[in-house]
Amino acid sequence: MAIMITDACINCGACEPECPNHAIYEGGAEWKYSDGTGLRGIMTPLAGGSEIDADGLMEPKSMDVYFIVHDKCTECVGFHDEPQCAAVCPVDCCVDDPEYRESKEDLLKKKEFMHL
């Protein structure tokens, strides 16, 4: 599964630099699939869907608090033993997202896909 940031977030920003996939953004920030990854140009996300420009700006997932882009979150699998955002969060608002379930194998595939 992916990690999500709850509304209990105090916007301290501790989580953002810890993410090896650059999947965490400040509330209101536009984001790109290419940020912090090897993805470039036209691509199809592993989760499926239509082709997108990895370098194109995407709409913020939240306007008020930090957010995690599920398509980029690997729960730090392949990098660390535990999700680093949750490890550093002072208010424990980085939690498992029950709507995004992925196996360890799928998370490793996502990591390899993003970091060519």
C-alpha atoms as a PDB file:
ATOM      1  CA  MET A   1       0.000   0.000   0.000  1.00  0.00           C
ATOM      2  CA  ALA A   2       1.045   3.616  -0.256  1.00  0.00           C
ATOM      3  CA  ILE A   3       1.407   6.041   2.601  1.00  0.00           C
ATOM      4  CA  MET A   4      -0.908   9.013   3.052  1.00  0.00           C
ATOM      5  CA  ILE A   5      -0.654  12.184   5.121  1.00  0.00           C
ATOM      6  CA  THR A   6      -3.678  12.904   7.288  1.00  0.00           C
ATOM      7  CA  ASP A   7      -5.239  16.253   8.120  1.00  0.00           C
ATOM      8  CA  ALA A   8      -3.359  16.124  11.438  1.00  0.00           C
ATOM      9  CA  CYS A   9      -0.273  17.303   9.495  1.00  0.00           C
ATOM     10  CA  ILE A  10       1.301  20.399  11.064  1.00  0.00           C
ATOM     11  CA  ASN A  11       3.172  21.292   7.838  1.00  0.00           C
ATOM     12  CA  CYS A  12       6.584  20.956   9.481  1.00  0.00           C
ATOM     13  CA  GLY A  13       8.134  19.578   6.271  1.00  0.00           C
ATOM     14  CA  ALA A  14      10.220  16.896   8.019  1.00  0.00           C
ATOM     15  CA  CYS A  15       8.925  14.193   5.677  1.00  0.00           C
ATOM     16  CA  GLU A  16       9.634  15.821   2.320  1.00  0.00           C
ATOM     17  CA  PRO A  17      13.449  15.535   2.186  1.00  0.00           C
ATOM     18  CA  GLU A  18      13.334  11.962   3.519  1.00  0.00           C
ATOM     19  CA  CYS A  19      11.421  10.546   0.529  1.00  0.00           C
ATOM     20  CA  PRO A  20      13.768   8.717  -1.886  1.00  0.00           C
ATOM     21  CA  ASN A  21      11.160   8.960  -4.656  1.00  0.00           C
ATOM     22  CA  HIS A  22      10.349  12.643  -4.254  1.00  0.00           C
ATOM     23  CA  ALA A  23       6.705  11.633  -3.764  1.00  0.00           C
ATOM     24  CA  ILE A  24       5.947  14.165  -1.013  1.00  0.00           C
ATOM     25  CA  TYR A  25       4.972  17.743  -1.776  1.00  0.00           C
ATOM     26  CA  GLU A  26       3.899  20.773   0.207  1.00  0.00           C
ATOM     27  CA  GLY A  27       0.191  21.562   0.104  1.00  0.00           C
ATOM     28  CA  GLY A  28      -0.722  23.548  -3.005  1.00  0.00           C
ATOM     29  CA  ALA A  29       2.443  22.556  -4.895  1.00  0.00           C
ATOM     30  CA  GLU A  30       2.256  21.318  -8.456  1.00  0.00           C
ATOM     31  CA  TRP A  31       4.307  18.173  -9.049  1.00  0.00           C
ATOM     32  CA  LYS A  32       5.856  16.069 -11.811  1.00  0.00           C
ATOM     33  CA  TYR A  33       6.466  12.359 -12.260  1.00  0.00           C
ATOM     34  CA  SER A  34      10.013  13.283 -13.291  1.00  0.00           C
ATOM     35  CA  ASP A  35      10.799  15.011  -9.967  1.00  0.00           C
ATOM     36  CA  GLY A  36      13.528  12.942  -8.313  1.00  0.00           C
ATOM     37  CA  THR A  37      13.094   9.994 -10.670  1.00  0.00           C
ATOM     38  CA  GLY A  38      14.478   8.779 -13.986  1.00  0.00           C
ATOM     39  CA  LEU A  39      11.120   9.241 -15.716  1.00  0.00           C
ATOM     40  CA  ARG A  40      11.200  11.592 -18.706  1.00  0.00           C
ATOM     41  CA  GLY A  41       8.965  12.413 -21.655  1.00  0.00           C
ATOM     42  CA  ILE A  42       5.792  10.547 -22.573  1.00  0.00           C
ATOM     43  CA  MET A  43       5.115   7.534 -20.341  1.00  0.00           C
ATOM     44  CA  THR A  44       2.332   5.334 -19.048  1.00  0.00           C
ATOM     45  CA  PRO A  45       2.208   5.028 -15.240  1.00  0.00           C
ATOM     46  CA  LEU A  46       2.569   1.484 -13.888  1.00  0.00           C
ATOM     47  CA  ALA A  47      -0.867   1.862 -12.295  1.00  0.00           C
ATOM     48  CA  GLY A  48      -2.252   2.100 -15.826  1.00  0.00           C
ATOM     49  CA  GLY A  49      -4.257   4.770 -17.547  1.00  0.00           C
ATOM     50  CA  SER A  50      -3.413   6.975 -20.462  1.00  0.00           C
ATOM     51  CA  GLU A  51      -0.028   8.256 -21.485  1.00  0.00           C
ATOM     52  CA  ILE A  52       1.204  11.380 -19.721  1.00  0.00           C
ATOM     53  CA  ASP A  53       4.165  13.714 -19.948  1.00  0.00           C
ATOM     54  CA  ALA A  54       6.464  12.845 -17.025  1.00  0.00           C
ATOM     55  CA  ASP A  55       7.809  16.405 -17.191  1.00  0.00           C
ATOM     56  CA  GLY A  56       4.364  18.031 -17.203  1.00  0.00           C
ATOM     57  CA  LEU A  57       3.007  19.800 -14.139  1.00  0.00           C
ATOM     58  CA  MET A  58       0.251  17.976 -12.253  1.00  0.00           C
ATOM     59  CA  GLU A  59      -2.367  19.475  -9.953  1.00  0.00           C
ATOM     60  CA  PRO A  60      -1.752  19.408  -6.186  1.00  0.00           C
ATOM     61  CA  LYS A  61      -3.425  16.512  -4.341  1.00  0.00           C
ATOM     62  CA  SER A  62      -4.032  18.797  -1.342  1.00  0.00           C
ATOM     63  CA  MET A  63      -4.060  22.541  -0.937  1.00  0.00           C
ATOM     64  CA  ASP A  64      -3.691  22.665   2.838  1.00  0.00           C
ATOM     65  CA  VAL A  65      -1.222  20.029   4.037  1.00  0.00           C
ATOM     66  CA  TYR A  66       1.678  18.057   2.628  1.00  0.00           C
ATOM     67  CA  PHE A  67       0.595  15.202   0.357  1.00  0.00           C
ATOM     68  CA  ILE A  68       2.029  12.003  -1.088  1.00  0.00           C
ATOM     69  CA  VAL A  69       1.667  11.083  -4.763  1.00  0.00           C
ATOM     70  CA  HIS A  70       0.564   7.443  -4.607  1.00  0.00           C
ATOM     71  CA  ASP A  71       1.931   6.640  -8.058  1.00  0.00           C
ATOM     72  CA  LYS A  72       5.434   7.565  -6.803  1.00  0.00           C
ATOM     73  CA  CYS A  73       5.290   6.129  -3.256  1.00  0.00           C
ATOM     74  CA  THR A  74       7.076   2.817  -2.734  1.00  0.00           C
ATOM     75  CA  GLU A  75       6.892   2.915   1.083  1.00  0.00           C
ATOM     76  CA  CYS A  76      10.702   3.198   0.821  1.00  0.00           C
ATOM     77  CA  VAL A  77      10.878  -0.474  -0.273  1.00  0.00           C
ATOM     78  CA  GLY A  78      14.242  -1.026  -1.920  1.00  0.00           C
ATOM     79  CA  PHE A  79      15.725   1.962  -0.086  1.00  0.00           C
ATOM     80  CA  HIS A  80      15.000   1.569   3.638  1.00  0.00           C
ATOM     81  CA  ASP A  81      13.473  -0.940   6.067  1.00  0.00           C
ATOM     82  CA  GLU A  82      10.520   1.345   6.875  1.00  0.00           C
ATOM     83  CA  PRO A  83       8.788   4.377   5.358  1.00  0.00           C
ATOM     84  CA  GLN A  84      11.023   7.293   6.257  1.00  0.00           C
ATOM     85  CA  CYS A  85       8.206   9.849   6.240  1.00  0.00           C
ATOM     86  CA  ALA A  86       6.459   7.954   9.038  1.00  0.00           C
ATOM     87  CA  ALA A  87       9.734   7.508  10.922  1.00  0.00           C
ATOM     88  CA  VAL A  88      10.405  11.267  11.106  1.00  0.00           C
ATOM     89  CA  CYS A  89       6.848  12.607  11.442  1.00  0.00           C
ATOM     90  CA  PRO A  90       6.483  14.280  14.849  1.00  0.00           C
ATOM     91  CA  VAL A  91       2.679  13.912  14.900  1.00  0.00           C
ATOM     92  CA  ASP A  92       2.357  10.429  13.337  1.00  0.00           C
ATOM     93  CA  CYS A  93       0.237  11.633  10.418  1.00  0.00           C
ATOM     94  CA  CYS A  94       2.063   9.546   7.764  1.00  0.00           C
ATOM     95  CA  VAL A  95      -0.005   6.358   7.807  1.00  0.00           C
ATOM     96  CA  ASP A  96      -0.920   3.425   5.568  1.00  0.00           C
ATOM     97  CA  ASP A  97      -3.510   4.364   2.953  1.00  0.00           C
ATOM     98  CA  PRO A  98      -6.126   1.584   2.898  1.00  0.00           C
ATOM     99  CA  GLU A  99      -7.264   2.627  -0.604  1.00  0.00           C
ATOM    100  CA  TYR A 100      -3.875   1.866  -2.192  1.00  0.00           C
ATOM    101  CA  ARG A 101      -2.744  -1.716  -1.574  1.00  0.00           C
ATOM    102  CA  GLU A 102       0.426  -3.008  -3.222  1.00  0.00           C
ATOM    103  CA  SER A 103       2.591  -6.028  -2.533  1.00  0.00           C
ATOM    104  CA  LYS A 104       6.288  -5.709  -1.754  1.00  0.00           C
ATOM    105  CA  GLU A 105       6.952  -7.142  -5.220  1.00  0.00           C
ATOM    106  CA  ASP A 106       4.783  -4.442  -6.832  1.00  0.00           C
ATOM    107  CA  LEU A 107       6.518  -1.728  -4.806  1.00  0.00           C
ATOM    108  CA  LEU A 108       9.926  -2.996  -5.990  1.00  0.00           C
ATOM    109  CA  LYS A 109       8.696  -2.970  -9.606  1.00  0.00           C
ATOM    110  CA  LYS A 110       7.538   0.623  -9.148  1.00  0.00           C
ATOM    111  CA  LYS A 111      10.942   1.587  -7.720  1.00  0.00           C
ATOM    112  CA  GLU A 112      12.740  -0.021 -10.671  1.00  0.00           C
ATOM    113  CA  PHE A 113      10.352   1.665 -13.121  1.00  0.00           C
ATOM    114  CA  MET A 114      10.956   5.111 -11.645  1.00  0.00           C
ATOM    115  CA  HIS A 115      14.701   4.791 -11.136  1.00  0.00           C
ATOM    116  CA  LEU A 116      15.905   3.376 -14.455  1.00  0.00           C
END
